[in-house]
Amino acid sequence: MSIDLDTTEGRKKYLSEKLDDLLDGINDSYGTLLMEELLTRLELTVKDFNEEMKTLCDQLVTKEKERQQLLEMLKSTDGLPAPAAGVQVEATPQNAEVSPVLPEEPEENVPEWEKKLAKLEKK
């Protein structure tokens, strides 16, 4: 006897056979009802799990796209403004570092990604 666990019907048949073996000692009327209820609950559990996994994977893809866009925006020099009067440039022998000196701006005018970037730099 070969077991086909690759298809939904094969899995249902396998579970049904195993449950039949387990329920042999129970009255036929209760055994059938119990088996039907167990199969229904198993199907519902698997369906819920698959929906939750799909939702989580969709969220993961969305977050990764957002991260990649942010990374590309930070990498590109087109998206960043040219150094203004408020930026100090310190030259070192190995490289040049730019440290922004932000004018006193209200928090509401600063884009969200700049706030997050500032928090990351503080760590």
PDB file of N, CA and C in Angstrom:
ATOM      1  N   MET A   1       0.852  -1.180   0.000  1.00  0.00           N
ATOM      2  CA  MET A   1       0.000   0.000   0.000  1.00  0.00           C
ATOM      3  C   MET A   1       0.897   1.242   0.000  1.00  0.00           C
ATOM      4  N   SER A   2       0.705   2.084  -0.994  1.00  0.00           N
ATOM      5  CA  SER A   2       1.506   3.304  -1.057  1.00  0.00           C
ATOM      6  C   SER A   2       0.690   4.471  -0.493  1.00  0.00           C
ATOM      7  N   ILE A   3       1.400   5.333   0.197  1.00  0.00           N
ATOM      8  CA  ILE A   3       0.765   6.498   0.815  1.00  0.00           C
ATOM      9  C   ILE A   3       1.150   7.712  -0.011  1.00  0.00           C
ATOM     10  N   ASP A   4       0.133   8.444  -0.492  1.00  0.00           N
ATOM     11  CA  ASP A   4       0.367   9.633  -1.304  1.00  0.00           C
ATOM     12  C   ASP A   4       0.100  10.868  -0.443  1.00  0.00           C
ATOM     13  N   LEU A   5       1.162  11.412   0.159  1.00  0.00           N
ATOM     14  CA  LEU A   5       1.014  12.590   1.013  1.00  0.00           C
ATOM     15  C   LEU A   5       1.225  13.888   0.248  1.00  0.00           C
ATOM     16  N   ASP A   6       1.433  13.780  -1.060  1.00  0.00           N
ATOM     17  CA  ASP A   6       1.663  14.978  -1.871  1.00  0.00           C
ATOM     18  C   ASP A   6       0.364  15.669  -2.270  1.00  0.00           C
ATOM     19  N   THR A   7      -0.752  14.965  -2.205  1.00  0.00           N
ATOM     20  CA  THR A   7      -2.028  15.563  -2.594  1.00  0.00           C
ATOM     21  C   THR A   7      -2.935  15.687  -1.377  1.00  0.00           C
ATOM     22  N   THR A   8      -3.879  16.587  -1.475  1.00  0.00           N
ATOM     23  CA  THR A   8      -4.832  16.797  -0.381  1.00  0.00           C
ATOM     24  C   THR A   8      -5.667  15.549  -0.159  1.00  0.00           C
ATOM     25  N   GLU A   9      -6.125  14.951  -1.228  1.00  0.00           N
ATOM     26  CA  GLU A   9      -6.950  13.745  -1.104  1.00  0.00           C
ATOM     27  C   GLU A   9      -6.156  12.600  -0.484  1.00  0.00           C
ATOM     28  N   GLY A  10      -4.898  12.459  -0.856  1.00  0.00           N
ATOM     29  CA  GLY A  10      -4.059  11.413  -0.291  1.00  0.00           C
ATOM     30  C   GLY A  10      -3.863  11.589   1.202  1.00  0.00           C
ATOM     31  N   ARG A  11      -3.653  12.826   1.625  1.00  0.00           N
ATOM     32  CA  ARG A  11      -3.488  13.106   3.050  1.00  0.00           C
ATOM     33  C   ARG A  11      -4.784  12.831   3.814  1.00  0.00           C
ATOM     34  N   LYS A  12      -5.917  13.244   3.218  1.00  0.00           N
ATOM     35  CA  LYS A  12      -7.209  12.990   3.864  1.00  0.00           C
ATOM     36  C   LYS A  12      -7.451  11.487   4.006  1.00  0.00           C
ATOM     37  N   LYS A  13      -7.134  10.739   2.953  1.00  0.00           N
ATOM     38  CA  LYS A  13      -7.335   9.287   2.984  1.00  0.00           C
ATOM     39  C   LYS A  13      -6.454   8.662   4.069  1.00  0.00           C
ATOM     40  N   TYR A  14      -5.202   9.098   4.140  1.00  0.00           N
ATOM     41  CA  TYR A  14      -4.275   8.576   5.147  1.00  0.00           C
ATOM     42  C   TYR A  14      -4.788   8.850   6.556  1.00  0.00           C
ATOM     43  N   LEU A  15      -5.190  10.107   6.813  1.00  0.00           N
ATOM     44  CA  LEU A  15      -5.702  10.466   8.139  1.00  0.00           C
ATOM     45  C   LEU A  15      -6.982   9.699   8.460  1.00  0.00           C
ATOM     46  N   SER A  16      -7.835   9.555   7.471  1.00  0.00           N
ATOM     47  CA  SER A  16      -9.081   8.835   7.675  1.00  0.00           C
ATOM     48  C   SER A  16      -8.820   7.380   8.042  1.00  0.00           C
ATOM     49  N   GLU A  17      -7.883   6.748   7.362  1.00  0.00           N
ATOM     50  CA  GLU A  17      -7.538   5.352   7.674  1.00  0.00           C
ATOM     51  C   GLU A  17      -6.965   5.227   9.083  1.00  0.00           C
ATOM     52  N   LYS A  18      -6.084   6.136   9.443  1.00  0.00           N
ATOM     53  CA  LYS A  18      -5.488   6.090  10.782  1.00  0.00           C
ATOM     54  C   LYS A  18      -6.542   6.322  11.861  1.00  0.00           C
ATOM     55  N   LEU A  19      -7.435   7.262  11.612  1.00  0.00           N
ATOM     56  CA  LEU A  19      -8.489   7.525  12.592  1.00  0.00           C
ATOM     57  C   LEU A  19      -9.440   6.345  12.694  1.00  0.00           C
ATOM     58  N   ASP A  20      -9.711   5.699  11.579  1.00  0.00           N
ATOM     59  CA  ASP A  20     -10.549   4.495  11.612  1.00  0.00           C
ATOM     60  C   ASP A  20      -9.916   3.439  12.508  1.00  0.00           C
ATOM     61  N   ASP A  21      -8.619   3.244  12.368  1.00  0.00           N
ATOM     62  CA  ASP A  21      -7.917   2.268  13.195  1.00  0.00           C
ATOM     63  C   ASP A  21      -8.025   2.623  14.679  1.00  0.00           C
ATOM     64  N   LEU A  22      -7.906   3.907  14.995  1.00  0.00           N
ATOM     65  CA  LEU A  22      -7.969   4.341  16.392  1.00  0.00           C
ATOM     66  C   LEU A  22      -9.369   4.243  16.982  1.00  0.00           C
ATOM     67  N   LEU A  23     -10.376   4.404  16.130  1.00  0.00           N
ATOM     68  CA  LEU A  23     -11.746   4.461  16.625  1.00  0.00           C
ATOM     69  C   LEU A  23     -12.481   3.127  16.540  1.00  0.00           C
ATOM     70  N   ASP A  24     -11.778   2.042  16.261  1.00  0.00           N
ATOM     71  CA  ASP A  24     -12.431   0.730  16.150  1.00  0.00           C
ATOM     72  C   ASP A  24     -13.151   0.335  17.433  1.00  0.00           C
ATOM     73  N   GLY A  25     -12.630   0.711  18.575  1.00  0.00           N
ATOM     74  CA  GLY A  25     -13.223   0.310  19.836  1.00  0.00           C
ATOM     75  C   GLY A  25     -14.443   1.119  20.229  1.00  0.00           C
ATOM     76  N   ILE A  26     -14.737   2.200  19.516  1.00  0.00           N
ATOM     77  CA  ILE A  26     -15.860   3.080  19.873  1.00  0.00           C
ATOM     78  C   ILE A  26     -17.086   2.677  19.047  1.00  0.00           C
ATOM     79  N   ASN A  27     -18.222   2.904  19.606  1.00  0.00           N
ATOM     80  CA  ASN A  27     -19.482   2.617  18.921  1.00  0.00           C
ATOM     81  C   ASN A  27     -19.472   3.246  17.524  1.00  0.00           C
ATOM     82  N   ASP A  28     -20.054   2.542  16.544  1.00  0.00           N
ATOM     83  CA  ASP A  28     -20.036   3.016  15.160  1.00  0.00           C
ATOM     84  C   ASP A  28     -20.664   4.398  14.994  1.00  0.00           C
ATOM     85  N   SER A  29     -21.746   4.665  15.665  1.00  0.00           N
ATOM     86  CA  SER A  29     -22.408   5.965  15.483  1.00  0.00           C
ATOM     87  C   SER A  29     -21.561   7.103  16.038  1.00  0.00           C
ATOM     88  N   TYR A  30     -20.956   6.902  17.209  1.00  0.00           N
ATOM     89  CA  TYR A  30     -20.119   7.956  17.783  1.00  0.00           C
ATOM     90  C   TYR A  30     -18.790   8.052  17.045  1.00  0.00           C
ATOM     91  N   GLY A  31     -18.272   6.931  16.630  1.00  0.00           N
ATOM     92  CA  GLY A  31     -16.989   6.925  15.925  1.00  0.00           C
ATOM     93  C   GLY A  31     -17.042   7.711  14.630  1.00  0.00           C
ATOM     94  N   THR A  32     -18.110   7.540  13.875  1.00  0.00           N
ATOM     95  CA  THR A  32     -18.257   8.250  12.607  1.00  0.00           C
ATOM     96  C   THR A  32     -18.386   9.752  12.847  1.00  0.00           C
ATOM     97  N   LEU A  33     -19.228  10.125  13.798  1.00  0.00           N
ATOM     98  CA  LEU A  33     -19.402  11.551  14.110  1.00  0.00           C
ATOM     99  C   LEU A  33     -18.109  12.162  14.629  1.00  0.00           C
ATOM    100  N   LEU A  34     -17.441  11.421  15.488  1.00  0.00           N
ATOM    101  CA  LEU A  34     -16.190  11.915  16.053  1.00  0.00           C
ATOM    102  C   LEU A  34     -15.135  12.079  14.965  1.00  0.00           C
ATOM    103  N   MET A  35     -15.044  11.104  14.078  1.00  0.00           N
ATOM    104  CA  MET A  35     -14.057  11.182  13.007  1.00  0.00           C
ATOM    105  C   MET A  35     -14.350  12.357  12.077  1.00  0.00           C
ATOM    106  N   GLU A  36     -15.621  12.563  11.731  1.00  0.00           N
ATOM    107  CA  GLU A  36     -15.991  13.693  10.865  1.00  0.00           C
ATOM    108  C   GLU A  36     -15.638  15.023  11.529  1.00  0.00           C
ATOM    109  N   GLU A  37     -15.916  15.120  12.826  1.00  0.00           N
ATOM    110  CA  GLU A  37     -15.592  16.352  13.559  1.00  0.00           C
ATOM    111  C   GLU A  37     -14.086  16.574  13.608  1.00  0.00           C
ATOM    112  N   LEU A  38     -13.327  15.524  13.854  1.00  0.00           N
ATOM    113  CA  LEU A  38     -11.865  15.645  13.891  1.00  0.00           C
ATOM    114  C   LEU A  38     -11.309  16.074  12.532  1.00  0.00           C
ATOM    115  N   LEU A  39     -11.817  15.472  11.471  1.00  0.00           N
ATOM    116  CA  LEU A  39     -11.352  15.841  10.127  1.00  0.00           C
ATOM    117  C   LEU A  39     -11.699  17.297   9.810  1.00  0.00           C
ATOM    118  N   THR A  40     -12.901  17.713  10.187  1.00  0.00           N
ATOM    119  CA  THR A  40     -13.307  19.103   9.958  1.00  0.00           C
ATOM    120  C   THR A  40     -12.397  20.058  10.716  1.00  0.00           C
ATOM    121  N   ARG A  41     -12.101  19.725  11.956  1.00  0.00           N
ATOM    122  CA  ARG A  41     -11.228  20.586  12.762  1.00  0.00           C
ATOM    123  C   ARG A  41      -9.798  20.597  12.229  1.00  0.00           C
ATOM    124  N   LEU A  42      -9.317  19.450  11.780  1.00  0.00           N
ATOM    125  CA  LEU A  42      -7.978  19.397  11.189  1.00  0.00           C
ATOM    126  C   LEU A  42      -7.901  20.251   9.932  1.00  0.00           C
ATOM    127  N   GLU A  43      -8.911  20.141   9.075  1.00  0.00           N
ATOM    128  CA  GLU A  43      -8.932  20.943   7.851  1.00  0.00           C
ATOM    129  C   GLU A  43      -8.969  22.433   8.187  1.00  0.00           C
ATOM    130  N   LEU A  44      -9.771  22.815   9.169  1.00  0.00           N
ATOM    131  CA  LEU A  44      -9.864  24.212   9.578  1.00  0.00           C
ATOM    132  C   LEU A  44      -8.531  24.709  10.141  1.00  0.00           C
ATOM    133  N   THR A  45      -7.892  23.874  10.943  1.00  0.00           N
ATOM    134  CA  THR A  45      -6.594  24.249  11.517  1.00  0.00           C
ATOM    135  C   THR A  45      -5.547  24.456  10.426  1.00  0.00           C
ATOM    136  N   VAL A  46      -5.500  23.544   9.475  1.00  0.00           N
ATOM    137  CA  VAL A  46      -4.532  23.664   8.381  1.00  0.00           C
ATOM    138  C   VAL A  46      -4.848  24.897   7.531  1.00  0.00           C
ATOM    139  N   LYS A  47      -6.118  25.146   7.275  1.00  0.00           N
ATOM    140  CA  LYS A  47      -6.525  26.322   6.489  1.00  0.00           C
ATOM    141  C   LYS A  47      -6.109  27.613   7.207  1.00  0.00           C
ATOM    142  N   ASP A  48      -6.378  27.686   8.517  1.00  0.00           N
ATOM    143  CA  ASP A  48      -5.994  28.871   9.298  1.00  0.00           C
ATOM    144  C   ASP A  48      -4.479  29.072   9.288  1.00  0.00           C
ATOM    145  N   PHE A  49      -3.742  27.978   9.456  1.00  0.00           N
ATOM    146  CA  PHE A  49      -2.287  28.058   9.438  1.00  0.00           C
ATOM    147  C   PHE A  49      -1.788  28.583   8.095  1.00  0.00           C
ATOM    148  N   ASN A  50      -2.327  28.055   7.008  1.00  0.00           N
ATOM    149  CA  ASN A  50      -1.903  28.499   5.683  1.00  0.00           C
ATOM    150  C   ASN A  50      -2.216  29.972   5.461  1.00  0.00           C
ATOM    151  N   GLU A  51      -3.386  30.433   5.920  1.00  0.00           N
ATOM    152  CA  GLU A  51      -3.740  31.847   5.776  1.00  0.00           C
ATOM    153  C   GLU A  51      -2.799  32.734   6.590  1.00  0.00           C
ATOM    154  N   GLU A  52      -2.484  32.311   7.806  1.00  0.00           N
ATOM    155  CA  GLU A  52      -1.568  33.090   8.647  1.00  0.00           C
ATOM    156  C   GLU A  52      -0.174  33.140   8.028  1.00  0.00           C
ATOM    157  N   MET A  53       0.291  32.025   7.494  1.00  0.00           N
ATOM    158  CA  MET A  53       1.613  32.002   6.864  1.00  0.00           C
ATOM    159  C   MET A  53       1.638  32.886   5.623  1.00  0.00           C
ATOM    160  N   LYS A  54       0.564  32.877   4.848  1.00  0.00           N
ATOM    161  CA  LYS A  54       0.499  33.730   3.654  1.00  0.00           C
ATOM    162  C   LYS A  54       0.539  35.202   4.064  1.00  0.00           C
ATOM    163  N   THR A  55      -0.216  35.550   5.107  1.00  0.00           N
ATOM    164  CA  THR A  55      -0.220  36.928   5.598  1.00  0.00           C
ATOM    165  C   THR A  55       1.169  37.338   6.080  1.00  0.00           C
ATOM    166  N   LEU A  56       1.818  36.468   6.845  1.00  0.00           N
ATOM    167  CA  LEU A  56       3.159  36.773   7.346  1.00  0.00           C
ATOM    168  C   LEU A  56       4.163  36.923   6.204  1.00  0.00           C
ATOM    169  N   CYS A  57       4.073  36.054   5.215  1.00  0.00           N
ATOM    170  CA  CYS A  57       4.993  36.140   4.070  1.00  0.00           C
ATOM    171  C   CYS A  57       4.744  37.416   3.278  1.00  0.00           C
ATOM    172  N   ASP A  58       3.468  37.784   3.098  1.00  0.00           N
ATOM    173  CA  ASP A  58       3.150  39.035   2.399  1.00  0.00           C
ATOM    174  C   ASP A  58       3.705  40.237   3.159  1.00  0.00           C
ATOM    175  N   GLN A  59       3.567  40.219   4.486  1.00  0.00           N
ATOM    176  CA  GLN A  59       4.113  41.320   5.297  1.00  0.00           C
ATOM    177  C   GLN A  59       5.633  41.362   5.194  1.00  0.00           C
ATOM    178  N   LEU A  60       6.257  40.199   5.183  1.00  0.00           N
ATOM    179  CA  LEU A  60       7.710  40.125   5.068  1.00  0.00           C
ATOM    180  C   LEU A  60       8.177  40.708   3.737  1.00  0.00           C
ATOM    181  N   VAL A  61       7.480  40.377   2.666  1.00  0.00           N
ATOM    182  CA  VAL A  61       7.834  40.899   1.346  1.00  0.00           C
ATOM    183  C   VAL A  61       7.662  42.414   1.320  1.00  0.00           C
ATOM    184  N   THR A  62       6.565  42.903   1.888  1.00  0.00           N
ATOM    185  CA  THR A  62       6.306  44.344   1.914  1.00  0.00           C
ATOM    186  C   THR A  62       7.389  45.078   2.710  1.00  0.00           C
ATOM    187  N   LYS A  63       7.732  44.564   3.886  1.00  0.00           N
ATOM    188  CA  LYS A  63       8.763  45.197   4.719  1.00  0.00           C
ATOM    189  C   LYS A  63      10.116  45.190   4.007  1.00  0.00           C
ATOM    190  N   GLU A  64      10.439  44.087   3.338  1.00  0.00           N
ATOM    191  CA  GLU A  64      11.716  44.012   2.634  1.00  0.00           C
ATOM    192  C   GLU A  64      11.768  45.019   1.491  1.00  0.00           C
ATOM    193  N   LYS A  65      10.661  45.183   0.774  1.00  0.00           N
ATOM    194  CA  LYS A  65      10.619  46.189  -0.299  1.00  0.00           C
ATOM    195  C   LYS A  65      10.832  47.583   0.274  1.00  0.00           C
ATOM    196  N   GLU A  66      10.188  47.861   1.418  1.00  0.00           N
ATOM    197  CA  GLU A  66      10.358  49.163   2.060  1.00  0.00           C
ATOM    198  C   GLU A  66      11.821  49.368   2.478  1.00  0.00           C
ATOM    199  N   ARG A  67      12.445  48.331   3.030  1.00  0.00           N
ATOM    200  CA  ARG A  67      13.850  48.428   3.446  1.00  0.00           C
ATOM    201  C   ARG A  67      14.760  48.656   2.241  1.00  0.00           C
ATOM    202  N   GLN A  68      14.481  47.942   1.160  1.00  0.00           N
ATOM    203  CA  GLN A  68      15.310  48.102  -0.036  1.00  0.00           C
ATOM    204  C   GLN A  68      15.160  49.509  -0.614  1.00  0.00           C
ATOM    205  N   GLN A  69      13.936  50.047  -0.616  1.00  0.00           N
ATOM    206  CA  GLN A  69      13.723  51.408  -1.107  1.00  0.00           C
ATOM    207  C   GLN A  69      14.470  52.416  -0.235  1.00  0.00           C
ATOM    208  N   LEU A  70      14.404  52.231   1.073  1.00  0.00           N
ATOM    209  CA  LEU A  70      15.109  53.125   1.989  1.00  0.00           C
ATOM    210  C   LEU A  70      16.617  53.029   1.768  1.00  0.00           C
ATOM    211  N   LEU A  71      17.113  51.814   1.596  1.00  0.00           N
ATOM    212  CA  LEU A  71      18.542  51.614   1.358  1.00  0.00           C
ATOM    213  C   LEU A  71      18.973  52.278   0.055  1.00  0.00           C
ATOM    214  N   GLU A  72      18.194  52.092  -0.991  1.00  0.00           N
ATOM    215  CA  GLU A  72      18.519  52.729  -2.270  1.00  0.00           C
ATOM    216  C   GLU A  72      18.465  54.248  -2.153  1.00  0.00           C
ATOM    217  N   MET A  73      17.503  54.766  -1.409  1.00  0.00           N
ATOM    218  CA  MET A  73      17.392  56.204  -1.230  1.00  0.00           C
ATOM    219  C   MET A  73      18.603  56.734  -0.468  1.00  0.00           C
ATOM    220  N   LEU A  74      19.061  55.985   0.531  1.00  0.00           N
ATOM    221  CA  LEU A  74      20.230  56.414   1.288  1.00  0.00           C
ATOM    222  C   LEU A  74      21.507  56.303   0.459  1.00  0.00           C
ATOM    223  N   LYS A  75      21.569  55.292  -0.416  1.00  0.00           N
ATOM    224  CA  LYS A  75      22.756  55.114  -1.245  1.00  0.00           C
ATOM    225  C   LYS A  75      22.853  56.153  -2.356  1.00  0.00           C
ATOM    226  N   SER A  76      21.723  56.511  -2.895  1.00  0.00           N
ATOM    227  CA  SER A  76      21.756  57.399  -4.050  1.00  0.00           C
ATOM    228  C   SER A  76      22.066  58.826  -3.609  1.00  0.00           C
ATOM    229  N   THR A  77      22.898  59.478  -4.367  1.00  0.00           N
ATOM    230  CA  THR A  77      23.219  60.870  -4.063  1.00  0.00           C
ATOM    231  C   THR A  77      22.176  61.798  -4.655  1.00  0.00           C
ATOM    232  N   ASP A  78      21.351  61.274  -5.565  1.00  0.00           N
ATOM    233  CA  ASP A  78      20.296  62.094  -6.161  1.00  0.00           C
ATOM    234  C   ASP A  78      19.222  62.433  -5.143  1.00  0.00           C
ATOM    235  N   GLY A  79      18.952  61.523  -4.229  1.00  0.00           N
ATOM    236  CA  GLY A  79      17.898  61.731  -3.240  1.00  0.00           C
ATOM    237  C   GLY A  79      18.326  62.607  -2.083  1.00  0.00           C
ATOM    238  N   LEU A  80      19.621  62.841  -1.923  1.00  0.00           N
ATOM    239  CA  LEU A  80      20.111  63.639  -0.803  1.00  0.00           C
ATOM    240  C   LEU A  80      20.402  65.066  -1.267  1.00  0.00           C
ATOM    241  N   PRO A  81      20.076  66.042  -0.434  1.00  0.00           N
ATOM    242  CA  PRO A  81      20.384  67.419  -0.804  1.00  0.00           C
ATOM    243  C   PRO A  81      21.897  67.664  -0.741  1.00  0.00           C
ATOM    244  N   ALA A  82      22.361  68.623  -1.529  1.00  0.00           N
ATOM    245  CA  ALA A  82      23.778  68.982  -1.513  1.00  0.00           C
ATOM    246  C   ALA A  82      24.111  69.588  -0.161  1.00  0.00           C
ATOM    247  N   PRO A  83      25.366  69.457   0.282  1.00  0.00           N
ATOM    248  CA  PRO A  83      25.742  70.048   1.574  1.00  0.00           C
ATOM    249  C   PRO A  83      25.412  71.538   1.603  1.00  0.00           C
ATOM    250  N   ALA A  84      24.760  71.934   2.660  1.00  0.00           N
ATOM    251  CA  ALA A  84      24.357  73.330   2.811  1.00  0.00           C
ATOM    252  C   ALA A  84      25.261  74.008   3.828  1.00  0.00           C
ATOM    253  N   ALA A  85      24.902  75.208   4.190  1.00  0.00           N
ATOM    254  CA  ALA A  85      25.716  75.973   5.129  1.00  0.00           C
ATOM    255  C   ALA A  85      25.740  75.328   6.509  1.00  0.00           C
ATOM    256  N   GLY A  86      24.745  74.510   6.832  1.00  0.00           N
ATOM    257  CA  GLY A  86      24.655  73.898   8.149  1.00  0.00           C
ATOM    258  C   GLY A  86      25.422  72.591   8.273  1.00  0.00           C
ATOM    259  N   VAL A  87      26.200  72.184   7.249  1.00  0.00           N
ATOM    260  CA  VAL A  87      26.914  70.912   7.286  1.00  0.00           C
ATOM    261  C   VAL A  87      28.406  71.190   7.426  1.00  0.00           C
ATOM    262  N   GLN A  88      29.036  70.501   8.381  1.00  0.00           N
ATOM    263  CA  GLN A  88      30.472  70.651   8.576  1.00  0.00           C
ATOM    264  C   GLN A  88      31.170  69.449   7.967  1.00  0.00           C
ATOM    265  N   VAL A  89      32.249  69.699   7.221  1.00  0.00           N
ATOM    266  CA  VAL A  89      32.997  68.619   6.614  1.00  0.00           C
ATOM    267  C   VAL A  89      34.353  68.545   7.285  1.00  0.00           C
ATOM    268  N   GLU A  90      34.664  67.351   7.837  1.00  0.00           N
ATOM    269  CA  GLU A  90      35.954  67.139   8.479  1.00  0.00           C
ATOM    270  C   GLU A  90      36.762  66.206   7.602  1.00  0.00           C
ATOM    271  N   ALA A  91      37.933  66.624   7.193  1.00  0.00           N
ATOM    272  CA  ALA A  91      38.771  65.781   6.353  1.00  0.00           C
ATOM    273  C   ALA A  91      39.784  65.057   7.223  1.00  0.00           C
ATOM    274  N   THR A  92      39.916  63.786   6.988  1.00  0.00           N
ATOM    275  CA  THR A  92      40.926  62.985   7.659  1.00  0.00           C
ATOM    276  C   THR A  92      41.843  62.428   6.583  1.00  0.00           C
ATOM    277  N   PRO A  93      43.005  61.954   6.965  1.00  0.00           N
ATOM    278  CA  PRO A  93      43.901  61.413   5.947  1.00  0.00           C
ATOM    279  C   PRO A  93      43.303  60.261   5.142  1.00  0.00           C
ATOM    280  N   GLN A  94      42.473  59.413   5.781  1.00  0.00           N
ATOM    281  CA  GLN A  94      41.930  58.267   5.067  1.00  0.00           C
ATOM    282  C   GLN A  94      40.696  58.634   4.237  1.00  0.00           C
ATOM    283  N   ASN A  95      39.813  59.425   4.811  1.00  0.00           N
ATOM    284  CA  ASN A  95      38.577  59.747   4.092  1.00  0.00           C
ATOM    285  C   ASN A  95      38.011  61.052   4.621  1.00  0.00           C
ATOM    286  N   ALA A  96      36.959  61.484   4.001  1.00  0.00           N
ATOM    287  CA  ALA A  96      36.287  62.697   4.444  1.00  0.00           C
ATOM    288  C   ALA A  96      34.968  62.295   5.082  1.00  0.00           C
ATOM    289  N   GLU A  97      34.675  62.857   6.227  1.00  0.00           N
ATOM    290  CA  GLU A  97      33.432  62.551   6.922  1.00  0.00           C
ATOM    291  C   GLU A  97      32.538  63.781   6.911  1.00  0.00           C
ATOM    292  N   VAL A  98      31.252  63.546   6.768  1.00  0.00           N
ATOM    293  CA  VAL A  98      30.287  64.631   6.787  1.00  0.00           C
ATOM    294  C   VAL A  98      29.454  64.469   8.045  1.00  0.00           C
ATOM    295  N   SER A  99      29.454  65.487   8.868  1.00  0.00           N
ATOM    296  CA  SER A  99      28.615  65.438  10.058  1.00  0.00           C
ATOM    297  C   SER A  99      27.610  66.575   9.970  1.00  0.00           C
ATOM    298  N   PRO A 100      26.353  66.240   9.858  1.00  0.00           N
ATOM    299  CA  PRO A 100      25.354  67.296   9.709  1.00  0.00           C
ATOM    300  C   PRO A 100      25.127  68.061  11.004  1.00  0.00           C
ATOM    301  N   VAL A 101      25.025  69.363  10.864  1.00  0.00           N
ATOM    302  CA  VAL A 101      24.635  70.216  11.972  1.00  0.00           C
ATOM    303  C   VAL A 101      23.274  70.754  11.580  1.00  0.00           C
ATOM    304  N   LEU A 102      22.263  70.175  12.155  1.00  0.00           N
ATOM    305  CA  LEU A 102      20.912  70.531  11.766  1.00  0.00           C
ATOM    306  C   LEU A 102      20.488  71.815  12.432  1.00  0.00           C
ATOM    307  N   PRO A 103      19.901  72.709  11.665  1.00  0.00           N
ATOM    308  CA  PRO A 103      19.358  73.914  12.285  1.00  0.00           C
ATOM    309  C   PRO A 103      18.173  73.523  13.166  1.00  0.00           C
ATOM    310  N   GLU A 104      17.820  74.395  14.028  1.00  0.00           N
ATOM    311  CA  GLU A 104      16.721  74.113  14.944  1.00  0.00           C
ATOM    312  C   GLU A 104      15.415  74.066  14.152  1.00  0.00           C
ATOM    313  N   GLU A 105      15.017  72.844  13.779  1.00  0.00           N
ATOM    314  CA  GLU A 105      13.770  72.633  13.044  1.00  0.00           C
ATOM    315  C   GLU A 105      12.779  71.947  13.968  1.00  0.00           C
ATOM    316  N   PRO A 106      11.527  72.257  13.811  1.00  0.00           N
ATOM    317  CA  PRO A 106      10.528  71.504  14.580  1.00  0.00           C
ATOM    318  C   PRO A 106      10.539  70.051  14.121  1.00  0.00           C
ATOM    319  N   GLU A 107      10.279  69.131  15.034  1.00  0.00           N
ATOM    320  CA  GLU A 107      10.276  67.699  14.739  1.00  0.00           C
ATOM    321  C   GLU A 107       9.297  67.342  13.634  1.00  0.00           C
ATOM    322  N   GLU A 108       8.216  68.091  13.480  1.00  0.00           N
ATOM    323  CA  GLU A 108       7.185  67.734  12.517  1.00  0.00           C
ATOM    324  C   GLU A 108       7.641  67.930  11.075  1.00  0.00           C
ATOM    325  N   ASN A 109       8.655  68.766  10.823  1.00  0.00           N
ATOM    326  CA  ASN A 109       9.129  69.002   9.461  1.00  0.00           C
ATOM    327  C   ASN A 109      10.153  67.965   9.011  1.00  0.00           C
ATOM    328  N   VAL A 110      10.649  67.151   9.917  1.00  0.00           N
ATOM    329  CA  VAL A 110      11.662  66.158   9.593  1.00  0.00           C
ATOM    330  C   VAL A 110      10.959  64.885   9.105  1.00  0.00           C
ATOM    331  N   PRO A 111      11.366  64.372   7.922  1.00  0.00           N
ATOM    332  CA  PRO A 111      10.746  63.135   7.434  1.00  0.00           C
ATOM    333  C   PRO A 111      11.010  61.983   8.391  1.00  0.00           C
ATOM    334  N   GLU A 112      10.109  61.020   8.355  1.00  0.00           N
ATOM    335  CA  GLU A 112      10.176  59.869   9.264  1.00  0.00           C
ATOM    336  C   GLU A 112      11.477  59.088   9.088  1.00  0.00           C
ATOM    337  N   TRP A 113      11.940  58.932   7.853  1.00  0.00           N
ATOM    338  CA  TRP A 113      13.149  58.136   7.627  1.00  0.00           C
ATOM    339  C   TRP A 113      14.377  58.824   8.218  1.00  0.00           C
ATOM    340  N   GLU A 114      14.370  60.166   8.257  1.00  0.00           N
ATOM    341  CA  GLU A 114      15.498  60.873   8.864  1.00  0.00           C
ATOM    342  C   GLU A 114      15.508  60.677  10.381  1.00  0.00           C
ATOM    343  N   LYS A 115      14.325  60.617  10.984  1.00  0.00           N
ATOM    344  CA  LYS A 115      14.243  60.378  12.425  1.00  0.00           C
ATOM    345  C   LYS A 115      14.793  58.991  12.757  1.00  0.00           C
ATOM    346  N   LYS A 116      14.393  57.992  11.956  1.00  0.00           N
ATOM    347  CA  LYS A 116      14.861  56.626  12.191  1.00  0.00           C
ATOM    348  C   LYS A 116      16.363  56.540  11.982  1.00  0.00           C
ATOM    349  N   LEU A 117      16.867  57.203  10.964  1.00  0.00           N
ATOM    350  CA  LEU A 117      18.290  57.187  10.687  1.00  0.00           C
ATOM    351  C   LEU A 117      19.065  57.851  11.823  1.00  0.00           C
ATOM    352  N   ALA A 118      18.536  58.932  12.366  1.00  0.00           N
ATOM    353  CA  ALA A 118      19.187  59.600  13.473  1.00  0.00           C
ATOM    354  C   ALA A 118      19.234  58.701  14.710  1.00  0.00           C
ATOM    355  N   LYS A 119      18.171  57.949  14.955  1.00  0.00           N
ATOM    356  CA  LYS A 119      18.160  57.021  16.076  1.00  0.00           C
ATOM    357  C   LYS A 119      19.194  55.925  15.890  1.00  0.00           C
ATOM    358  N   LEU A 120      19.324  55.421  14.651  1.00  0.00           N
ATOM    359  CA  LEU A 120      20.306  54.377  14.379  1.00  0.00           C
ATOM    360  C   LEU A 120      21.743  54.889  14.567  1.00  0.00           C
ATOM    361  N   GLU A 121      21.997  56.141  14.183  1.00  0.00           N
ATOM    362  CA  GLU A 121      23.319  56.719  14.321  1.00  0.00           C
ATOM    363  C   GLU A 121      23.686  56.936  15.787  1.00  0.00           C
ATOM    364  N   LYS A 122      22.702  57.183  16.641  1.00  0.00           N
ATOM    365  CA  LYS A 122      22.958  57.421  18.050  1.00  0.00           C
ATOM    366  C   LYS A 122      23.392  56.151  18.771  1.00  0.00           C
ATOM    367  N   LYS A 123      23.003  54.976  18.237  1.00  0.00           N
ATOM    368  CA  LYS A 123      23.318  53.703  18.889  1.00  0.00           C
ATOM    369  C   LYS A 123      24.764  53.340  18.802  1.00  0.00           C
TER     370      LYS A 123
END
